[in-house]
Amino acid sequence: MNKKISIIVATYNAESTIKRCIDSIVCQKSDEIELLVIDGDSKDKTIDILKSYGGIIDVLKSEPDKGVYDAWNKALRLSSGEWIMFLGADDYYLPGAITFYLELLQKEENINSMDLICARCQLVDEKGKYLRDFGFPYKWENFIDKMEISHGSTLHNHKLFKEIGEFNINFRICADYEFLLRKKMNSFFIEREILVMQIGGMSNSVKGLLDSYRVKQYHGIIPLHRNLYNLIKGTCGYYCKKLWYWVKK
């Protein structure tokens, strides 16, 4: 029987955060939810922790891969949910978030015609300190300049992957952004925080900005001068934030 939502988690040497992540799912898990965890052959205790959950994790695989998007693609081929969510091993759902989405899918008319259902998230630092919230409605005219949705808070219609394909693993950091630029999406936005996301990963780095630049060049969606401007602006903003955090310390 198909599930309503498939939650996909990719892991690699995530022993310090994976229990918090999985616990936030299993405490809300029901028969309508499918949990798939694809591990990249971790060398720490990640697999031992995951195995301790037994059958609560519907699909658990561990093998070498080519990064998080390769793991996501593997999970997509095994998933049965009508809607797909991708959660980082450093992130975790807020109480009631999954139940809220299940209720929304049941009561909202024409929801199945949407490509995406987006919401917001809380951003925290490596110590768990709240910084700000993040996540805006999907608007193509803004989205072509930068990733403005909270991807971890987003439900993706499974039909979307059959329509436009899987993630392009040639983009190591921004393949989710590249995927979402393949068409103008039909979307639904909820003014609600769904998960907590820890900042500091590769997407929040100069390498992430460069990969985003490559994605936009690949699609040719904005002029070169505008793309370069966004890259320079983003890089300056990144280093200004780093300096500000250093000064505050």
C-alpha atoms as a PDB file:
ATOM      1  CA  MET A   1       0.000   0.000   0.000  1.00  0.00           C
ATOM      2  CA  ASN A   2       1.323   3.439  -0.915  1.00  0.00           C
ATOM      3  CA  LYS A   3       2.120   5.795   1.938  1.00  0.00           C
ATOM      4  CA  LYS A   4       0.995   9.387   2.118  1.00  0.00           C
ATOM      5  CA  ILE A   5       4.470  10.826   2.916  1.00  0.00           C
ATOM      6  CA  SER A   6       7.965   9.396   2.434  1.00  0.00           C
ATOM      7  CA  ILE A   7      10.648  11.039   4.585  1.00  0.00           C
ATOM      8  CA  ILE A   8      14.161  10.617   3.191  1.00  0.00           C
ATOM      9  CA  VAL A   9      17.304  11.116   5.285  1.00  0.00           C
ATOM     10  CA  ALA A  10      20.849  10.835   3.911  1.00  0.00           C
ATOM     11  CA  THR A  11      23.620  10.234   6.439  1.00  0.00           C
ATOM     12  CA  TYR A  12      27.389  10.031   6.614  1.00  0.00           C
ATOM     13  CA  ASN A  13      29.314  10.020   9.901  1.00  0.00           C
ATOM     14  CA  ALA A  14      26.379  11.669  11.655  1.00  0.00           C
ATOM     15  CA  GLU A  15      26.600   9.995  15.058  1.00  0.00           C
ATOM     16  CA  SER A  16      26.398  13.306  16.924  1.00  0.00           C
ATOM     17  CA  THR A  17      23.055  14.400  15.437  1.00  0.00           C
ATOM     18  CA  ILE A  18      21.268  11.458  13.835  1.00  0.00           C
ATOM     19  CA  LYS A  19      19.431  10.287  16.972  1.00  0.00           C
ATOM     20  CA  ARG A  20      17.903  13.717  17.480  1.00  0.00           C
ATOM     21  CA  CYS A  21      16.854  13.736  13.810  1.00  0.00           C
ATOM     22  CA  ILE A  22      15.273  10.262  13.799  1.00  0.00           C
ATOM     23  CA  ASP A  23      13.610  10.736  17.199  1.00  0.00           C
ATOM     24  CA  SER A  24      11.806  13.814  15.847  1.00  0.00           C
ATOM     25  CA  ILE A  25      10.300  11.609  13.129  1.00  0.00           C
ATOM     26  CA  VAL A  26       9.435   8.403  14.988  1.00  0.00           C
ATOM     27  CA  CYS A  27       7.521  10.219  17.735  1.00  0.00           C
ATOM     28  CA  GLN A  28       5.149  11.481  15.006  1.00  0.00           C
ATOM     29  CA  LYS A  29       5.269   8.460  12.702  1.00  0.00           C
ATOM     30  CA  SER A  30       2.049   6.692  11.699  1.00  0.00           C
ATOM     31  CA  ASP A  31       1.008   4.068   9.150  1.00  0.00           C
ATOM     32  CA  GLU A  32       0.790   6.847   6.565  1.00  0.00           C
ATOM     33  CA  ILE A  33       4.470   7.736   6.953  1.00  0.00           C
ATOM     34  CA  GLU A  34       7.442   5.950   5.396  1.00  0.00           C
ATOM     35  CA  LEU A  35      10.988   6.580   6.635  1.00  0.00           C
ATOM     36  CA  LEU A  36      13.960   5.839   4.392  1.00  0.00           C
ATOM     37  CA  VAL A  37      17.549   6.343   5.547  1.00  0.00           C
ATOM     38  CA  ILE A  38      20.409   5.973   3.061  1.00  0.00           C
ATOM     39  CA  ASP A  39      23.870   6.000   4.593  1.00  0.00           C
ATOM     40  CA  GLY A  40      27.088   6.583   2.670  1.00  0.00           C
ATOM     41  CA  ASP A  41      29.078   3.841   4.438  1.00  0.00           C
ATOM     42  CA  SER A  42      29.704   5.751   7.660  1.00  0.00           C
ATOM     43  CA  LYS A  43      32.864   4.984   9.631  1.00  0.00           C
ATOM     44  CA  ASP A  44      31.540   6.093  13.021  1.00  0.00           C
ATOM     45  CA  LYS A  45      28.573   4.794  15.074  1.00  0.00           C
ATOM     46  CA  THR A  46      25.862   6.140  12.749  1.00  0.00           C
ATOM     47  CA  ILE A  47      24.780   2.697  11.503  1.00  0.00           C
ATOM     48  CA  ASP A  48      24.683   1.221  15.012  1.00  0.00           C
ATOM     49  CA  ILE A  49      22.396   4.043  16.104  1.00  0.00           C
ATOM     50  CA  LEU A  50      20.141   3.598  13.069  1.00  0.00           C
ATOM     51  CA  LYS A  51      19.918  -0.179  13.517  1.00  0.00           C
ATOM     52  CA  SER A  52      18.776   0.322  17.104  1.00  0.00           C
ATOM     53  CA  TYR A  53      15.443   1.625  15.759  1.00  0.00           C
ATOM     54  CA  GLY A  54      14.634  -1.728  14.164  1.00  0.00           C
ATOM     55  CA  GLY A  55      11.599  -1.778  11.879  1.00  0.00           C
ATOM     56  CA  ILE A  56      10.635   1.817  12.677  1.00  0.00           C
ATOM     57  CA  ILE A  57      12.955   2.742   9.797  1.00  0.00           C
ATOM     58  CA  ASP A  58      11.207   1.249   6.779  1.00  0.00           C
ATOM     59  CA  VAL A  59      14.258   1.274   4.501  1.00  0.00           C
ATOM     60  CA  LEU A  60      17.848   1.371   5.754  1.00  0.00           C
ATOM     61  CA  LYS A  61      20.797   0.976   3.408  1.00  0.00           C
ATOM     62  CA  SER A  62      24.484   1.681   3.895  1.00  0.00           C
ATOM     63  CA  GLU A  63      26.931   1.675   1.008  1.00  0.00           C
ATOM     64  CA  PRO A  64      29.421   4.059  -0.615  1.00  0.00           C
ATOM     65  CA  ASP A  65      27.774   6.792  -2.640  1.00  0.00           C
ATOM     66  CA  LYS A  66      28.568   9.979  -4.521  1.00  0.00           C
ATOM     67  CA  GLY A  67      27.123  12.390  -1.996  1.00  0.00           C
ATOM     68  CA  VAL A  68      23.800  13.389  -0.488  1.00  0.00           C
ATOM     69  CA  TYR A  69      21.969  13.765  -3.811  1.00  0.00           C
ATOM     70  CA  ASP A  70      23.057  10.313  -4.946  1.00  0.00           C
ATOM     71  CA  ALA A  71      21.635   8.983  -1.674  1.00  0.00           C
ATOM     72  CA  TRP A  72      18.394  10.891  -2.235  1.00  0.00           C
ATOM     73  CA  ASN A  73      18.073   9.430  -5.723  1.00  0.00           C
ATOM     74  CA  LYS A  74      18.546   5.913  -4.344  1.00  0.00           C
ATOM     75  CA  ALA A  75      15.834   6.534  -1.766  1.00  0.00           C
ATOM     76  CA  LEU A  76      13.453   7.995  -4.351  1.00  0.00           C
ATOM     77  CA  ARG A  77      13.608   4.755  -6.345  1.00  0.00           C
ATOM     78  CA  LEU A  78      12.594   2.819  -3.237  1.00  0.00           C
ATOM     79  CA  SER A  79       9.938   5.219  -1.935  1.00  0.00           C
ATOM     80  CA  SER A  80       6.193   4.731  -2.191  1.00  0.00           C
ATOM     81  CA  GLY A  81       4.852   7.978  -0.706  1.00  0.00           C
ATOM     82  CA  GLU A  82       2.566  10.302  -2.615  1.00  0.00           C
ATOM     83  CA  TRP A  83       4.626  13.166  -1.189  1.00  0.00           C
ATOM     84  CA  ILE A  84       8.373  13.301  -0.496  1.00  0.00           C
ATOM     85  CA  MET A  85      10.302  15.188   2.196  1.00  0.00           C
ATOM     86  CA  PHE A  86      14.101  15.432   2.529  1.00  0.00           C
ATOM     87  CA  LEU A  87      15.565  15.953   5.993  1.00  0.00           C
ATOM     88  CA  GLY A  88      19.216  16.625   6.802  1.00  0.00           C
ATOM     89  CA  ALA A  89      20.906  14.474   9.437  1.00  0.00           C
ATOM     90  CA  ASP A  90      21.641  17.682  11.408  1.00  0.00           C
ATOM     91  CA  ASP A  91      17.998  18.810  11.299  1.00  0.00           C
ATOM     92  CA  TYR A  92      14.854  17.776  13.157  1.00  0.00           C
ATOM     93  CA  TYR A  93      11.100  18.260  12.957  1.00  0.00           C
ATOM     94  CA  LEU A  94       9.182  20.402  15.392  1.00  0.00           C
ATOM     95  CA  PRO A  95       6.439  18.689  17.460  1.00  0.00           C
ATOM     96  CA  GLY A  96       3.242  18.141  15.487  1.00  0.00           C
ATOM     97  CA  ALA A  97       4.762  19.114  12.135  1.00  0.00           C
ATOM     98  CA  ILE A  98       4.208  15.804  10.351  1.00  0.00           C
ATOM     99  CA  THR A  99       0.702  15.409  11.782  1.00  0.00           C
ATOM    100  CA  PHE A 100      -0.081  18.910  10.584  1.00  0.00           C
ATOM    101  CA  TYR A 101       0.966  18.014   7.043  1.00  0.00           C
ATOM    102  CA  LEU A 102      -1.101  14.821   7.072  1.00  0.00           C
ATOM    103  CA  GLU A 103      -4.184  16.767   8.148  1.00  0.00           C
ATOM    104  CA  LEU A 104      -3.515  19.400   5.491  1.00  0.00           C
ATOM    105  CA  LEU A 105      -3.284  16.787   2.726  1.00  0.00           C
ATOM    106  CA  GLN A 106      -6.586  15.331   3.837  1.00  0.00           C
ATOM    107  CA  LYS A 107      -8.634  18.502   4.107  1.00  0.00           C
ATOM    108  CA  GLU A 108      -7.207  20.920   1.510  1.00  0.00           C
ATOM    109  CA  GLU A 109      -9.050  20.795  -1.815  1.00  0.00           C
ATOM    110  CA  ASN A 110      -6.998  20.427  -5.010  1.00  0.00           C
ATOM    111  CA  ILE A 111      -3.806  19.959  -2.990  1.00  0.00           C
ATOM    112  CA  ASN A 112      -2.753  16.991  -5.125  1.00  0.00           C
ATOM    113  CA  SER A 113      -2.438  19.299  -8.135  1.00  0.00           C
ATOM    114  CA  MET A 114       0.426  21.133  -6.421  1.00  0.00           C
ATOM    115  CA  ASP A 115       4.078  20.371  -7.176  1.00  0.00           C
ATOM    116  CA  LEU A 116       5.306  21.755  -3.849  1.00  0.00           C
ATOM    117  CA  ILE A 117       3.890  22.525  -0.437  1.00  0.00           C
ATOM    118  CA  CYS A 118       6.284  24.920   1.296  1.00  0.00           C
ATOM    119  CA  ALA A 119       6.585  26.169   4.857  1.00  0.00           C
ATOM    120  CA  ARG A 120       9.142  27.789   7.138  1.00  0.00           C
ATOM    121  CA  CYS A 121      11.931  26.576   9.417  1.00  0.00           C
ATOM    122  CA  GLN A 122      13.936  27.764  12.400  1.00  0.00           C
ATOM    123  CA  LEU A 123      17.646  28.374  11.871  1.00  0.00           C
ATOM    124  CA  VAL A 124      19.966  27.628  14.792  1.00  0.00           C
ATOM    125  CA  ASP A 125      23.736  27.688  15.271  1.00  0.00           C
ATOM    126  CA  GLU A 126      25.934  24.695  16.126  1.00  0.00           C
ATOM    127  CA  LYS A 127      25.044  25.141  19.816  1.00  0.00           C
ATOM    128  CA  GLY A 128      21.312  25.104  19.110  1.00  0.00           C
ATOM    129  CA  LYS A 129      20.834  28.831  19.676  1.00  0.00           C
ATOM    130  CA  TYR A 130      17.911  30.271  17.701  1.00  0.00           C
ATOM    131  CA  LEU A 131      19.039  32.744  15.052  1.00  0.00           C
ATOM    132  CA  ARG A 132      16.001  33.466  12.858  1.00  0.00           C
ATOM    133  CA  ASP A 133      13.288  31.830  10.847  1.00  0.00           C
ATOM    134  CA  PHE A 134      13.557  31.157   7.122  1.00  0.00           C
ATOM    135  CA  GLY A 135      11.365  30.168   4.195  1.00  0.00           C
ATOM    136  CA  PHE A 136       9.351  32.208   1.722  1.00  0.00           C
ATOM    137  CA  PRO A 137       6.564  31.389  -0.719  1.00  0.00           C
ATOM    138  CA  TYR A 138       7.834  29.988  -4.013  1.00  0.00           C
ATOM    139  CA  LYS A 139       7.866  32.840  -6.551  1.00  0.00           C
ATOM    140  CA  TRP A 140       9.630  32.183  -9.833  1.00  0.00           C
ATOM    141  CA  GLU A 141      10.741  35.796 -10.329  1.00  0.00           C
ATOM    142  CA  ASN A 142      12.610  35.668  -6.993  1.00  0.00           C
ATOM    143  CA  PHE A 143      13.605  32.009  -7.109  1.00  0.00           C
ATOM    144  CA  ILE A 144      15.711  32.402 -10.260  1.00  0.00           C
ATOM    145  CA  ASP A 145      18.066  34.650  -8.267  1.00  0.00           C
ATOM    146  CA  LYS A 146      18.359  32.558  -5.118  1.00  0.00           C
ATOM    147  CA  MET A 147      16.948  29.617  -3.202  1.00  0.00           C
ATOM    148  CA  GLU A 148      14.260  31.198  -1.027  1.00  0.00           C
ATOM    149  CA  ILE A 149      12.238  28.217   0.133  1.00  0.00           C
ATOM    150  CA  SER A 150      12.996  26.051   3.156  1.00  0.00           C
ATOM    151  CA  HIS A 151      13.724  22.818   1.301  1.00  0.00           C
ATOM    152  CA  GLY A 152      13.585  20.619   4.389  1.00  0.00           C
ATOM    153  CA  SER A 153      10.117  21.975   5.217  1.00  0.00           C
ATOM    154  CA  THR A 154       8.816  21.241   1.732  1.00  0.00           C
ATOM    155  CA  LEU A 155       6.590  18.448   0.513  1.00  0.00           C
ATOM    156  CA  HIS A 156       7.375  17.403  -3.078  1.00  0.00           C
ATOM    157  CA  ASN A 157       4.689  15.704  -5.143  1.00  0.00           C
ATOM    158  CA  HIS A 158       6.053  12.276  -6.149  1.00  0.00           C
ATOM    159  CA  LYS A 159       4.702  12.876  -9.650  1.00  0.00           C
ATOM    160  CA  LEU A 160       7.206  15.717 -10.001  1.00  0.00           C
ATOM    161  CA  PHE A 161      10.159  13.311 -10.078  1.00  0.00           C
ATOM    162  CA  LYS A 162       8.503  11.247 -12.806  1.00  0.00           C
ATOM    163  CA  GLU A 163       7.944  14.439 -14.779  1.00  0.00           C
ATOM    164  CA  ILE A 164      11.353  16.150 -14.550  1.00  0.00           C
ATOM    165  CA  GLY A 165      13.703  13.431 -13.291  1.00  0.00           C
ATOM    166  CA  GLU A 166      16.007  12.914 -10.342  1.00  0.00           C
ATOM    167  CA  PHE A 167      18.671  15.141  -8.777  1.00  0.00           C
ATOM    168  CA  ASN A 168      21.713  15.970 -10.905  1.00  0.00           C
ATOM    169  CA  ILE A 169      24.655  14.700  -8.839  1.00  0.00           C
ATOM    170  CA  ASN A 170      27.095  16.814 -10.866  1.00  0.00           C
ATOM    171  CA  PHE A 171      25.993  19.682  -8.598  1.00  0.00           C
ATOM    172  CA  ARG A 172      27.415  18.602  -5.259  1.00  0.00           C
ATOM    173  CA  ILE A 173      25.838  21.317  -3.099  1.00  0.00           C
ATOM    174  CA  CYS A 174      22.901  22.874  -4.943  1.00  0.00           C
ATOM    175  CA  ALA A 175      21.318  19.980  -6.852  1.00  0.00           C
ATOM    176  CA  ASP A 176      18.052  20.610  -4.988  1.00  0.00           C
ATOM    177  CA  TYR A 177      18.039  24.182  -6.333  1.00  0.00           C
ATOM    178  CA  GLU A 178      18.859  22.945  -9.844  1.00  0.00           C
ATOM    179  CA  PHE A 179      16.001  20.442  -9.656  1.00  0.00           C
ATOM    180  CA  LEU A 180      13.507  23.134  -8.686  1.00  0.00           C
ATOM    181  CA  LEU A 181      14.600  25.371 -11.576  1.00  0.00           C
ATOM    182  CA  ARG A 182      13.567  22.847 -14.227  1.00  0.00           C
ATOM    183  CA  LYS A 183      10.014  24.181 -14.382  1.00  0.00           C
ATOM    184  CA  LYS A 184       7.778  26.842 -12.877  1.00  0.00           C
ATOM    185  CA  MET A 185       6.216  25.030  -9.963  1.00  0.00           C
ATOM    186  CA  ASN A 186       2.634  25.063  -8.782  1.00  0.00           C
ATOM    187  CA  SER A 187       3.032  25.676  -5.075  1.00  0.00           C
ATOM    188  CA  PHE A 188       1.152  26.109  -1.820  1.00  0.00           C
ATOM    189  CA  PHE A 189       2.631  28.006   1.133  1.00  0.00           C
ATOM    190  CA  ILE A 190       1.968  27.571   4.837  1.00  0.00           C
ATOM    191  CA  GLU A 191       2.970  30.230   7.345  1.00  0.00           C
ATOM    192  CA  ARG A 192       4.228  27.662   9.843  1.00  0.00           C
ATOM    193  CA  GLU A 193       7.651  26.494  11.068  1.00  0.00           C
ATOM    194  CA  ILE A 194       8.077  22.789  10.325  1.00  0.00           C
ATOM    195  CA  LEU A 195      11.637  21.969  11.326  1.00  0.00           C
ATOM    196  CA  VAL A 196      14.825  23.194  12.953  1.00  0.00           C
ATOM    197  CA  MET A 197      17.826  23.494  10.653  1.00  0.00           C
ATOM    198  CA  GLN A 198      21.393  23.887  11.865  1.00  0.00           C
ATOM    199  CA  ILE A 199      23.358  26.334   9.737  1.00  0.00           C
ATOM    200  CA  GLY A 200      27.000  25.901   8.815  1.00  0.00           C
ATOM    201  CA  GLY A 201      26.810  23.239   6.109  1.00  0.00           C
ATOM    202  CA  MET A 202      28.242  23.444   2.608  1.00  0.00           C
ATOM    203  CA  SER A 203      25.138  25.220   1.295  1.00  0.00           C
ATOM    204  CA  ASN A 204      26.002  28.112   3.652  1.00  0.00           C
ATOM    205  CA  SER A 205      29.496  28.633   2.243  1.00  0.00           C
ATOM    206  CA  VAL A 206      31.361  30.259  -0.614  1.00  0.00           C
ATOM    207  CA  LYS A 207      31.457  26.837  -2.308  1.00  0.00           C
ATOM    208  CA  GLY A 208      27.673  26.790  -2.037  1.00  0.00           C
ATOM    209  CA  LEU A 209      27.444  30.230  -3.642  1.00  0.00           C
ATOM    210  CA  LEU A 210      29.714  29.066  -6.467  1.00  0.00           C
ATOM    211  CA  ASP A 211      27.607  25.959  -7.037  1.00  0.00           C
ATOM    212  CA  SER A 212      24.461  28.114  -7.120  1.00  0.00           C
ATOM    213  CA  TYR A 213      26.187  30.311  -9.726  1.00  0.00           C
ATOM    214  CA  ARG A 214      26.948  27.194 -11.802  1.00  0.00           C
ATOM    215  CA  VAL A 215      23.327  26.057 -11.547  1.00  0.00           C
ATOM    216  CA  LYS A 216      22.017  29.368 -12.895  1.00  0.00           C
ATOM    217  CA  GLN A 217      24.584  29.372 -15.699  1.00  0.00           C
ATOM    218  CA  TYR A 218      23.587  25.795 -16.533  1.00  0.00           C
ATOM    219  CA  HIS A 219      19.950  26.829 -16.953  1.00  0.00           C
ATOM    220  CA  GLY A 220      20.697  30.225 -18.524  1.00  0.00           C
ATOM    221  CA  ILE A 221      17.805  31.724 -16.612  1.00  0.00           C
ATOM    222  CA  ILE A 222      19.369  35.120 -15.867  1.00  0.00           C
ATOM    223  CA  PRO A 223      21.975  37.245 -17.686  1.00  0.00           C
ATOM    224  CA  LEU A 224      25.648  36.653 -16.842  1.00  0.00           C
ATOM    225  CA  HIS A 225      26.119  40.119 -15.304  1.00  0.00           C
ATOM    226  CA  ARG A 226      23.170  39.538 -12.964  1.00  0.00           C
ATOM    227  CA  ASN A 227      24.476  36.122 -11.980  1.00  0.00           C
ATOM    228  CA  LEU A 228      27.938  37.551 -11.262  1.00  0.00           C
ATOM    229  CA  TYR A 229      26.384  40.350  -9.224  1.00  0.00           C
ATOM    230  CA  ASN A 230      24.486  37.803  -7.109  1.00  0.00           C
ATOM    231  CA  LEU A 231      27.689  35.798  -6.595  1.00  0.00           C
ATOM    232  CA  ILE A 232      29.726  38.839  -5.518  1.00  0.00           C
ATOM    233  CA  LYS A 233      26.926  40.144  -3.295  1.00  0.00           C
ATOM    234  CA  GLY A 234      26.455  36.756  -1.658  1.00  0.00           C
ATOM    235  CA  THR A 235      30.191  36.292  -1.087  1.00  0.00           C
ATOM    236  CA  CYS A 236      30.542  39.741   0.483  1.00  0.00           C
ATOM    237  CA  GLY A 237      27.511  39.071   2.668  1.00  0.00           C
ATOM    238  CA  TYR A 238      28.963  35.727   3.769  1.00  0.00           C
ATOM    239  CA  TYR A 239      32.253  37.250   4.916  1.00  0.00           C
ATOM    240  CA  CYS A 240      30.510  40.199   6.576  1.00  0.00           C
ATOM    241  CA  LYS A 241      28.434  37.741   8.636  1.00  0.00           C
ATOM    242  CA  LYS A 242      31.561  35.772   9.535  1.00  0.00           C
ATOM    243  CA  LEU A 243      33.242  38.981  10.675  1.00  0.00           C
ATOM    244  CA  TRP A 244      30.172  40.018  12.668  1.00  0.00           C
ATOM    245  CA  TYR A 245      30.045  36.662  14.484  1.00  0.00           C
ATOM    246  CA  TRP A 246      33.766  36.918  15.230  1.00  0.00           C
ATOM    247  CA  VAL A 247      33.407  40.458  16.614  1.00  0.00           C
ATOM    248  CA  LYS A 248      30.463  39.405  18.818  1.00  0.00           C
ATOM    249  CA  LYS A 249      32.568  36.627  20.322  1.00  0.00           C
END
